[in-house]
Amino acid sequence: SERAALVFGQIGNRQDRRLDAQRRAMRIAGLVLPARPDEPNNCCMSGCIDCVWELYKEDLADWKQKRKEIRHKLLVERTDLDWPESVLGPEPVDRKKGTSIAMADKFVEDNGDDDLDPNIKAFLKTEMKLKEKKRKLLEQQKAAQAATSSAQTPQQQASTNVA
């Protein structure tokens, strides 16, 4: 067990990581921004179905979405508050007018994973593309199967059910 922890890092489940992020959450103008997810340190590099890096990428996407929502709310509803630049990025120049939301969104999308190793970024991008490709293939197979079964005559369906 100690040897495995040395090789693979600390083993924990996703729910524990999310609860920890909620405990470290930051309140900005009454809105809750969970802490940025920590990079996993327990990847075995064997191509697991639920790779910890894929789960991390999903958690990071959720965090980016929350951050984007908070930026929107601060831009639209709360123009008098100090802008937490270290968390939300640079304050849009024309924030007081409630414009430039597109610029704010671009910053949030571009800077969520800048400190990730480029190799890990490429790995994550490839894994997410493969996952999406598999999902689409399964949908196509299900649609083809549904079309085939609906095209059968009642006699063919009866013989299929009997066999």
N, C-alpha and C. Protein backbone atom coordinates (compact mmCIF):
# COMPACT_ATOMS: atom_id res chain seq x y z
N SER A 1 0.82 -1.20 0.00
CA SER A 1 0.00 0.00 0.00
C SER A 1 0.87 1.27 0.00
N GLU A 2 1.91 1.27 0.84
CA GLU A 2 2.81 2.43 0.87
C GLU A 2 3.58 2.54 -0.45
N ARG A 3 3.97 1.39 -0.98
CA ARG A 3 4.70 1.39 -2.24
C ARG A 3 3.82 1.91 -3.37
N ALA A 4 2.56 1.49 -3.39
CA ALA A 4 1.63 1.96 -4.41
C ALA A 4 1.42 3.47 -4.29
N ALA A 5 1.32 3.97 -3.06
CA ALA A 5 1.16 5.41 -2.86
C ALA A 5 2.39 6.16 -3.34
N LEU A 6 3.57 5.54 -3.16
CA LEU A 6 4.80 6.16 -3.64
C LEU A 6 4.82 6.26 -5.16
N VAL A 7 4.37 5.19 -5.82
CA VAL A 7 4.39 5.14 -7.27
C VAL A 7 3.26 5.96 -7.88
N PHE A 8 2.05 5.77 -7.37
CA PHE A 8 0.87 6.37 -8.00
C PHE A 8 0.36 7.62 -7.31
N GLY A 9 0.95 8.03 -6.21
CA GLY A 9 0.46 9.20 -5.49
C GLY A 9 -0.71 8.83 -4.60
N GLN A 10 -1.31 9.85 -4.02
CA GLN A 10 -2.43 9.63 -3.11
C GLN A 10 -3.67 9.20 -3.89
N ILE A 11 -4.32 8.19 -3.41
CA ILE A 11 -5.53 7.70 -4.05
C ILE A 11 -6.72 8.30 -3.31
N GLY A 12 -7.58 8.92 -4.05
CA GLY A 12 -8.78 9.52 -3.48
C GLY A 12 -9.86 9.53 -4.53
N ASN A 13 -11.08 9.68 -4.10
CA ASN A 13 -12.13 9.67 -5.10
C ASN A 13 -12.49 11.09 -5.53
N ARG A 14 -13.22 11.16 -6.60
CA ARG A 14 -13.57 12.45 -7.21
C ARG A 14 -14.44 13.28 -6.27
N GLN A 15 -15.34 12.63 -5.57
CA GLN A 15 -16.23 13.35 -4.66
C GLN A 15 -15.42 14.03 -3.55
N ASP A 16 -14.42 13.34 -3.02
CA ASP A 16 -13.57 13.95 -1.99
C ASP A 16 -12.86 15.18 -2.52
N ARG A 17 -12.36 15.11 -3.77
CA ARG A 17 -11.68 16.26 -4.36
C ARG A 17 -12.64 17.44 -4.53
N ARG A 18 -13.86 17.14 -4.95
CA ARG A 18 -14.85 18.22 -5.14
C ARG A 18 -15.25 18.84 -3.80
N LEU A 19 -15.41 18.01 -2.77
CA LEU A 19 -15.74 18.54 -1.45
C LEU A 19 -14.61 19.41 -0.92
N ASP A 20 -13.37 18.98 -1.16
CA ASP A 20 -12.22 19.78 -0.75
C ASP A 20 -12.20 21.12 -1.48
N ALA A 21 -12.52 21.11 -2.76
CA ALA A 21 -12.57 22.36 -3.54
C ALA A 21 -13.66 23.27 -3.01
N GLN A 22 -14.79 22.70 -2.59
CA GLN A 22 -15.86 23.52 -2.03
C GLN A 22 -15.45 24.15 -0.71
N ARG A 23 -14.68 23.39 0.09
CA ARG A 23 -14.21 23.94 1.37
C ARG A 23 -13.25 25.11 1.14
N ARG A 24 -12.47 25.02 0.07
CA ARG A 24 -11.51 26.08 -0.24
C ARG A 24 -12.11 27.16 -1.14
N ALA A 25 -13.43 27.13 -1.28
CA ALA A 25 -14.12 28.06 -2.18
C ALA A 25 -13.93 29.51 -1.73
N MET A 26 -14.08 30.40 -2.69
CA MET A 26 -13.93 31.83 -2.43
C MET A 26 -15.27 32.51 -2.68
N ARG A 27 -15.62 33.43 -1.80
CA ARG A 27 -16.84 34.21 -1.97
C ARG A 27 -16.49 35.54 -2.60
N ILE A 28 -17.15 35.82 -3.73
CA ILE A 28 -16.95 37.08 -4.43
C ILE A 28 -18.32 37.72 -4.61
N ALA A 29 -18.54 38.80 -3.91
CA ALA A 29 -19.81 39.53 -3.99
C ALA A 29 -21.00 38.61 -3.74
N GLY A 30 -20.87 37.73 -2.76
CA GLY A 30 -21.95 36.82 -2.43
C GLY A 30 -22.05 35.60 -3.32
N LEU A 31 -21.20 35.52 -4.32
CA LEU A 31 -21.19 34.39 -5.24
C LEU A 31 -20.05 33.45 -4.86
N VAL A 32 -20.26 32.16 -4.99
CA VAL A 32 -19.25 31.18 -4.58
C VAL A 32 -18.49 30.67 -5.79
N LEU A 33 -17.16 30.82 -5.73
CA LEU A 33 -16.28 30.26 -6.75
C LEU A 33 -15.47 29.16 -6.08
N PRO A 34 -15.70 27.89 -6.48
CA PRO A 34 -14.92 26.82 -5.88
C PRO A 34 -13.44 26.98 -6.21
N ALA A 35 -12.60 26.40 -5.38
CA ALA A 35 -11.16 26.46 -5.63
C ALA A 35 -10.85 25.73 -6.93
N ARG A 36 -9.82 26.19 -7.60
CA ARG A 36 -9.41 25.53 -8.83
C ARG A 36 -9.01 24.09 -8.51
N PRO A 37 -9.44 23.13 -9.32
CA PRO A 37 -9.09 21.73 -9.03
C PRO A 37 -7.58 21.51 -9.09
N ASP A 38 -7.11 20.64 -8.23
CA ASP A 38 -5.68 20.31 -8.20
C ASP A 38 -5.38 19.26 -9.26
N GLU A 39 -4.19 19.37 -9.83
CA GLU A 39 -3.77 18.37 -10.81
C GLU A 39 -3.60 17.03 -10.11
N PRO A 40 -4.00 15.95 -10.77
CA PRO A 40 -3.86 14.63 -10.14
C PRO A 40 -2.39 14.22 -10.08
N ASN A 41 -2.08 13.43 -9.07
CA ASN A 41 -0.71 12.92 -8.96
C ASN A 41 -0.71 11.39 -8.88
N ASN A 42 -1.82 10.79 -9.32
CA ASN A 42 -1.92 9.34 -9.20
C ASN A 42 -2.29 8.66 -10.52
N CYS A 43 -1.78 9.18 -11.63
CA CYS A 43 -2.05 8.56 -12.92
C CYS A 43 -1.09 7.39 -13.13
N CYS A 44 -1.65 6.27 -13.57
CA CYS A 44 -0.83 5.07 -13.79
C CYS A 44 -0.32 4.97 -15.22
N MET A 45 -0.81 5.84 -16.12
CA MET A 45 -0.41 5.89 -17.53
C MET A 45 -0.68 4.57 -18.26
N SER A 46 -1.75 3.88 -17.85
CA SER A 46 -2.07 2.62 -18.52
C SER A 46 -3.29 2.74 -19.43
N GLY A 47 -3.83 3.94 -19.58
CA GLY A 47 -4.97 4.14 -20.47
C GLY A 47 -6.29 3.72 -19.87
N CYS A 48 -6.47 3.96 -18.60
CA CYS A 48 -7.72 3.60 -17.91
C CYS A 48 -8.92 4.26 -18.58
N ILE A 49 -10.07 3.63 -18.44
CA ILE A 49 -11.29 4.19 -19.01
C ILE A 49 -11.59 5.54 -18.37
N ASP A 50 -11.51 5.62 -17.07
CA ASP A 50 -11.73 6.87 -16.36
C ASP A 50 -10.40 7.40 -15.84
N CYS A 51 -9.58 7.86 -16.75
CA CYS A 51 -8.26 8.38 -16.39
C CYS A 51 -8.42 9.59 -15.48
N VAL A 52 -7.56 9.69 -14.48
CA VAL A 52 -7.64 10.82 -13.55
C VAL A 52 -7.42 12.14 -14.28
N TRP A 53 -6.68 12.13 -15.38
CA TRP A 53 -6.47 13.37 -16.13
C TRP A 53 -7.74 13.78 -16.87
N GLU A 54 -8.50 12.80 -17.35
CA GLU A 54 -9.78 13.13 -17.99
C GLU A 54 -10.75 13.71 -16.98
N LEU A 55 -10.79 13.10 -15.79
CA LEU A 55 -11.65 13.62 -14.73
C LEU A 55 -11.22 15.03 -14.33
N TYR A 56 -9.90 15.24 -14.28
CA TYR A 56 -9.38 16.57 -13.96
C TYR A 56 -9.82 17.59 -15.01
N LYS A 57 -9.74 17.20 -16.28
CA LYS A 57 -10.14 18.10 -17.36
C LYS A 57 -11.62 18.48 -17.23
N GLU A 58 -12.46 17.51 -16.88
CA GLU A 58 -13.88 17.79 -16.67
C GLU A 58 -14.08 18.73 -15.49
N ASP A 59 -13.36 18.47 -14.39
CA ASP A 59 -13.45 19.34 -13.21
C ASP A 59 -12.98 20.75 -13.55
N LEU A 60 -11.91 20.85 -14.34
CA LEU A 60 -11.38 22.15 -14.73
C LEU A 60 -12.39 22.90 -15.61
N ALA A 61 -13.06 22.17 -16.49
CA ALA A 61 -14.08 22.80 -17.35
C ALA A 61 -15.24 23.32 -16.49
N ASP A 62 -15.64 22.55 -15.47
CA ASP A 62 -16.70 23.02 -14.56
C ASP A 62 -16.26 24.29 -13.83
N TRP A 63 -15.01 24.30 -13.37
CA TRP A 63 -14.47 25.46 -12.66
C TRP A 63 -14.44 26.69 -13.57
N LYS A 64 -14.00 26.49 -14.81
CA LYS A 64 -13.96 27.60 -15.77
C LYS A 64 -15.36 28.16 -16.02
N GLN A 65 -16.34 27.26 -16.11
CA GLN A 65 -17.72 27.69 -16.34
C GLN A 65 -18.23 28.52 -15.16
N LYS A 66 -17.93 28.08 -13.93
CA LYS A 66 -18.33 28.84 -12.74
C LYS A 66 -17.68 30.22 -12.74
N ARG A 67 -16.40 30.25 -13.08
CA ARG A 67 -15.67 31.52 -13.11
C ARG A 67 -16.26 32.45 -14.16
N LYS A 68 -16.64 31.88 -15.29
CA LYS A 68 -17.26 32.66 -16.36
C LYS A 68 -18.60 33.24 -15.90
N GLU A 69 -19.40 32.42 -15.20
CA GLU A 69 -20.69 32.89 -14.69
C GLU A 69 -20.50 34.04 -13.70
N ILE A 70 -19.51 33.92 -12.84
CA ILE A 70 -19.26 34.98 -11.86
C ILE A 70 -18.82 36.25 -12.56
N ARG A 71 -17.96 36.13 -13.56
CA ARG A 71 -17.55 37.32 -14.33
C ARG A 71 -18.76 37.99 -14.95
N HIS A 72 -19.65 37.20 -15.54
CA HIS A 72 -20.86 37.76 -16.15
C HIS A 72 -21.68 38.53 -15.12
N LYS A 73 -21.90 37.90 -13.96
CA LYS A 73 -22.72 38.55 -12.94
C LYS A 73 -22.07 39.83 -12.45
N LEU A 74 -20.76 39.79 -12.26
CA LEU A 74 -20.08 41.01 -11.81
C LEU A 74 -20.10 42.09 -12.88
N LEU A 75 -19.98 41.69 -14.13
CA LEU A 75 -20.01 42.68 -15.21
C LEU A 75 -21.40 43.30 -15.37
N VAL A 76 -22.42 42.49 -15.22
CA VAL A 76 -23.77 42.97 -15.49
C VAL A 76 -24.42 43.59 -14.25
N GLU A 77 -24.28 42.93 -13.09
CA GLU A 77 -25.05 43.34 -11.92
C GLU A 77 -24.27 44.17 -10.90
N ARG A 78 -23.00 43.95 -10.76
CA ARG A 78 -22.23 44.55 -9.65
C ARG A 78 -21.09 45.41 -10.16
N THR A 79 -21.39 46.59 -10.62
CA THR A 79 -20.33 47.42 -11.20
C THR A 79 -19.55 48.21 -10.15
N ASP A 80 -20.03 48.30 -8.91
CA ASP A 80 -19.37 49.11 -7.90
C ASP A 80 -18.33 48.37 -7.08
N LEU A 81 -18.23 47.06 -7.22
CA LEU A 81 -17.32 46.27 -6.39
C LEU A 81 -15.91 46.24 -6.96
N ASP A 82 -14.95 46.02 -6.05
CA ASP A 82 -13.57 45.84 -6.51
C ASP A 82 -13.48 44.54 -7.30
N TRP A 83 -12.68 44.58 -8.34
CA TRP A 83 -12.53 43.43 -9.23
C TRP A 83 -11.39 42.55 -8.72
N PRO A 84 -11.65 41.27 -8.37
CA PRO A 84 -10.59 40.37 -7.91
C PRO A 84 -9.76 39.84 -9.08
N GLU A 85 -8.79 40.63 -9.51
CA GLU A 85 -8.03 40.32 -10.72
C GLU A 85 -7.26 39.00 -10.64
N SER A 86 -6.76 38.67 -9.45
CA SER A 86 -5.98 37.44 -9.33
C SER A 86 -6.83 36.20 -9.59
N VAL A 87 -8.13 36.31 -9.42
CA VAL A 87 -9.03 35.17 -9.61
C VAL A 87 -9.75 35.24 -10.95
N LEU A 88 -10.21 36.43 -11.31
CA LEU A 88 -11.05 36.58 -12.50
C LEU A 88 -10.34 37.17 -13.70
N GLY A 89 -9.06 37.44 -13.56
CA GLY A 89 -8.33 38.03 -14.68
C GLY A 89 -8.49 39.54 -14.70
N PRO A 90 -7.91 40.18 -15.71
CA PRO A 90 -7.96 41.64 -15.76
C PRO A 90 -9.38 42.16 -15.91
N GLU A 91 -9.62 43.27 -15.25
CA GLU A 91 -10.93 43.90 -15.32
C GLU A 91 -11.12 44.54 -16.68
N PRO A 92 -12.26 44.28 -17.34
CA PRO A 92 -12.51 44.94 -18.62
C PRO A 92 -12.54 46.46 -18.44
N VAL A 93 -11.98 47.17 -19.40
CA VAL A 93 -11.85 48.62 -19.30
C VAL A 93 -13.20 49.29 -19.14
N ASP A 94 -14.18 48.83 -19.88
CA ASP A 94 -15.49 49.48 -19.84
C ASP A 94 -16.50 48.70 -19.01
N ARG A 95 -16.05 48.17 -17.89
CA ARG A 95 -16.91 47.38 -17.02
C ARG A 95 -18.08 48.18 -16.49
N LYS A 96 -17.86 49.44 -16.20
CA LYS A 96 -18.92 50.28 -15.63
C LYS A 96 -20.11 50.39 -16.57
N LYS A 97 -19.88 50.21 -17.86
CA LYS A 97 -20.95 50.29 -18.85
C LYS A 97 -21.64 48.94 -19.03
N GLY A 98 -21.06 47.89 -18.46
CA GLY A 98 -21.66 46.57 -18.60
C GLY A 98 -21.39 45.93 -19.95
N THR A 99 -20.41 46.41 -20.68
CA THR A 99 -20.11 45.84 -21.99
C THR A 99 -18.82 45.03 -21.91
N SER A 100 -18.38 44.57 -23.03
CA SER A 100 -17.13 43.83 -23.16
C SER A 100 -17.18 42.45 -22.49
N ILE A 101 -18.35 41.86 -22.45
CA ILE A 101 -18.47 40.53 -21.88
C ILE A 101 -17.74 39.51 -22.75
N ALA A 102 -17.75 39.71 -24.06
CA ALA A 102 -17.06 38.79 -24.96
C ALA A 102 -15.57 38.75 -24.66
N MET A 103 -14.99 39.92 -24.37
CA MET A 103 -13.57 39.98 -24.04
C MET A 103 -13.31 39.22 -22.74
N ALA A 104 -14.19 39.40 -21.77
CA ALA A 104 -14.04 38.71 -20.49
C ALA A 104 -14.12 37.20 -20.69
N ASP A 105 -15.07 36.75 -21.50
CA ASP A 105 -15.21 35.32 -21.77
C ASP A 105 -13.98 34.75 -22.45
N LYS A 106 -13.42 35.49 -23.39
CA LYS A 106 -12.23 35.03 -24.11
C LYS A 106 -11.08 34.82 -23.13
N PHE A 107 -10.91 35.77 -22.19
CA PHE A 107 -9.84 35.63 -21.21
C PHE A 107 -10.04 34.37 -20.37
N VAL A 108 -11.25 34.16 -19.90
CA VAL A 108 -11.54 33.01 -19.05
C VAL A 108 -11.27 31.71 -19.80
N GLU A 109 -11.68 31.63 -21.06
CA GLU A 109 -11.48 30.41 -21.84
C GLU A 109 -10.01 30.16 -22.13
N ASP A 110 -9.26 31.22 -22.38
CA ASP A 110 -7.86 31.06 -22.77
C ASP A 110 -6.94 30.77 -21.59
N ASN A 111 -7.27 31.25 -20.39
CA ASN A 111 -6.32 31.21 -19.30
C ASN A 111 -6.64 30.24 -18.18
N GLY A 112 -7.50 29.29 -18.40
CA GLY A 112 -7.85 28.37 -17.34
C GLY A 112 -6.81 27.30 -17.09
N ASP A 113 -6.04 26.94 -18.10
CA ASP A 113 -5.07 25.86 -17.94
C ASP A 113 -3.70 26.22 -18.50
N ASP A 114 -3.34 27.49 -18.38
CA ASP A 114 -2.05 27.95 -18.90
C ASP A 114 -0.86 27.31 -18.21
N ASP A 115 -1.00 26.97 -16.94
CA ASP A 115 0.14 26.43 -16.21
C ASP A 115 0.27 24.91 -16.33
N LEU A 116 -0.57 24.29 -17.13
CA LEU A 116 -0.45 22.85 -17.36
C LEU A 116 0.73 22.56 -18.27
N ASP A 117 1.35 21.44 -18.04
CA ASP A 117 2.43 20.98 -18.91
C ASP A 117 1.88 20.81 -20.32
N PRO A 118 2.59 21.29 -21.35
CA PRO A 118 2.09 21.16 -22.73
C PRO A 118 1.81 19.72 -23.15
N ASN A 119 2.61 18.78 -22.65
CA ASN A 119 2.38 17.37 -22.98
C ASN A 119 1.05 16.88 -22.40
N ILE A 120 0.77 17.28 -21.17
CA ILE A 120 -0.49 16.90 -20.53
C ILE A 120 -1.65 17.55 -21.26
N LYS A 121 -1.48 18.82 -21.66
CA LYS A 121 -2.54 19.51 -22.42
C LYS A 121 -2.87 18.74 -23.70
N ALA A 122 -1.83 18.34 -24.42
CA ALA A 122 -2.03 17.60 -25.67
C ALA A 122 -2.70 16.25 -25.39
N PHE A 123 -2.25 15.58 -24.34
CA PHE A 123 -2.84 14.30 -23.95
C PHE A 123 -4.32 14.47 -23.63
N LEU A 124 -4.65 15.48 -22.84
CA LEU A 124 -6.05 15.72 -22.47
C LEU A 124 -6.91 16.03 -23.68
N LYS A 125 -6.39 16.86 -24.56
CA LYS A 125 -7.14 17.22 -25.76
C LYS A 125 -7.42 15.98 -26.60
N THR A 126 -6.41 15.13 -26.77
CA THR A 126 -6.58 13.90 -27.55
C THR A 126 -7.57 12.96 -26.89
N GLU A 127 -7.45 12.80 -25.58
CA GLU A 127 -8.36 11.90 -24.86
C GLU A 127 -9.81 12.38 -24.95
N MET A 128 -10.01 13.69 -24.85
CA MET A 128 -11.38 14.23 -24.93
C MET A 128 -11.94 14.04 -26.35
N LYS A 129 -11.10 14.20 -27.37
CA LYS A 129 -11.56 13.97 -28.75
C LYS A 129 -11.94 12.50 -28.95
N LEU A 130 -11.11 11.59 -28.43
CA LEU A 130 -11.41 10.16 -28.55
C LEU A 130 -12.71 9.80 -27.83
N LYS A 131 -12.90 10.38 -26.66
CA LYS A 131 -14.12 10.12 -25.90
C LYS A 131 -15.34 10.60 -26.67
N GLU A 132 -15.25 11.78 -27.25
CA GLU A 132 -16.35 12.34 -28.04
C GLU A 132 -16.61 11.49 -29.28
N LYS A 133 -15.54 11.02 -29.92
CA LYS A 133 -15.67 10.18 -31.11
C LYS A 133 -16.38 8.87 -30.76
N LYS A 134 -16.01 8.26 -29.63
CA LYS A 134 -16.65 7.02 -29.19
C LYS A 134 -18.13 7.26 -28.88
N ARG A 135 -18.43 8.39 -28.25
CA ARG A 135 -19.81 8.71 -27.91
C ARG A 135 -20.66 8.84 -29.18
N LYS A 136 -20.12 9.54 -30.19
CA LYS A 136 -20.85 9.71 -31.46
C LYS A 136 -21.04 8.37 -32.17
N LEU A 137 -20.01 7.53 -32.15
CA LEU A 137 -20.10 6.22 -32.78
C LEU A 137 -21.19 5.37 -32.12
N LEU A 138 -21.25 5.40 -30.79
CA LEU A 138 -22.30 4.66 -30.08
C LEU A 138 -23.68 5.18 -30.45
N GLU A 139 -23.82 6.49 -30.55
CA GLU A 139 -25.11 7.08 -30.93
C GLU A 139 -25.52 6.63 -32.34
N GLN A 140 -24.55 6.62 -33.26
CA GLN A 140 -24.83 6.18 -34.63
C GLN A 140 -25.25 4.71 -34.65
N GLN A 141 -24.56 3.88 -33.88
CA GLN A 141 -24.89 2.46 -33.83
C GLN A 141 -26.29 2.24 -33.27
N LYS A 142 -26.63 2.99 -32.22
CA LYS A 142 -27.97 2.87 -31.64
C LYS A 142 -29.04 3.32 -32.63
N ALA A 143 -28.77 4.41 -33.34
CA ALA A 143 -29.72 4.91 -34.33
C ALA A 143 -29.90 3.90 -35.46
N ALA A 144 -28.80 3.30 -35.93
CA ALA A 144 -28.87 2.30 -36.99
C ALA A 144 -29.63 1.07 -36.52
N GLN A 145 -29.39 0.67 -35.29
CA GLN A 145 -30.07 -0.49 -34.73
C GLN A 145 -31.57 -0.22 -34.60
N ALA A 146 -31.92 0.99 -34.16
CA ALA A 146 -33.33 1.36 -34.03
C ALA A 146 -34.00 1.39 -35.39
N ALA A 147 -33.29 1.91 -36.40
CA ALA A 147 -33.85 1.97 -37.75
C ALA A 147 -34.05 0.57 -38.32
N THR A 148 -33.10 -0.31 -38.06
CA THR A 148 -33.19 -1.69 -38.55
C THR A 148 -34.36 -2.42 -37.89
N SER A 149 -34.51 -2.26 -36.59
CA SER A 149 -35.59 -2.97 -35.89
C SER A 149 -36.96 -2.42 -36.26
N SER A 150 -37.05 -1.14 -36.57
CA SER A 150 -38.35 -0.58 -36.97
C SER A 150 -38.69 -0.93 -38.41
N ALA A 151 -37.69 -1.30 -39.22
CA ALA A 151 -37.91 -1.66 -40.62
C ALA A 151 -38.33 -3.12 -40.78
N GLN A 152 -38.18 -3.93 -39.74
CA GLN A 152 -38.55 -5.34 -39.83
C GLN A 152 -40.07 -5.49 -39.87
N THR A 153 -40.52 -6.54 -40.56
CA THR A 153 -41.95 -6.83 -40.60
C THR A 153 -42.35 -7.45 -39.26
N PRO A 154 -43.63 -7.45 -38.93
CA PRO A 154 -44.07 -8.07 -37.66
C PRO A 154 -43.67 -9.54 -37.56
N GLN A 155 -43.67 -10.28 -38.70
CA GLN A 155 -43.28 -11.69 -38.67
C GLN A 155 -41.80 -11.83 -38.32
N GLN A 156 -40.95 -10.93 -38.89
CA GLN A 156 -39.51 -10.99 -38.60
C GLN A 156 -39.26 -10.66 -37.13
N GLN A 157 -39.99 -9.68 -36.60
CA GLN A 157 -39.82 -9.31 -35.19
C GLN A 157 -40.24 -10.47 -34.29
N ALA A 158 -41.32 -11.16 -34.65
CA ALA A 158 -41.80 -12.29 -33.85
C ALA A 158 -40.78 -13.42 -33.86
N SER A 159 -40.19 -13.70 -35.04
CA SER A 159 -39.20 -14.77 -35.12
C SER A 159 -37.93 -14.39 -34.37
N THR A 160 -37.58 -13.10 -34.34
CA THR A 160 -36.41 -12.64 -33.60
C THR A 160 -36.65 -12.79 -32.11
N ASN A 161 -37.85 -12.47 -31.65
CA ASN A 161 -38.18 -12.57 -30.23
C ASN A 161 -38.25 -14.02 -29.76
N VAL A 162 -38.67 -14.94 -30.64
CA VAL A 162 -38.77 -16.35 -30.27
C VAL A 162 -37.39 -16.96 -30.15
N ALA A 163 -36.49 -16.61 -31.06
CA ALA A 163 -35.15 -17.18 -31.07
C ALA A 163 -34.39 -16.65 -29.94
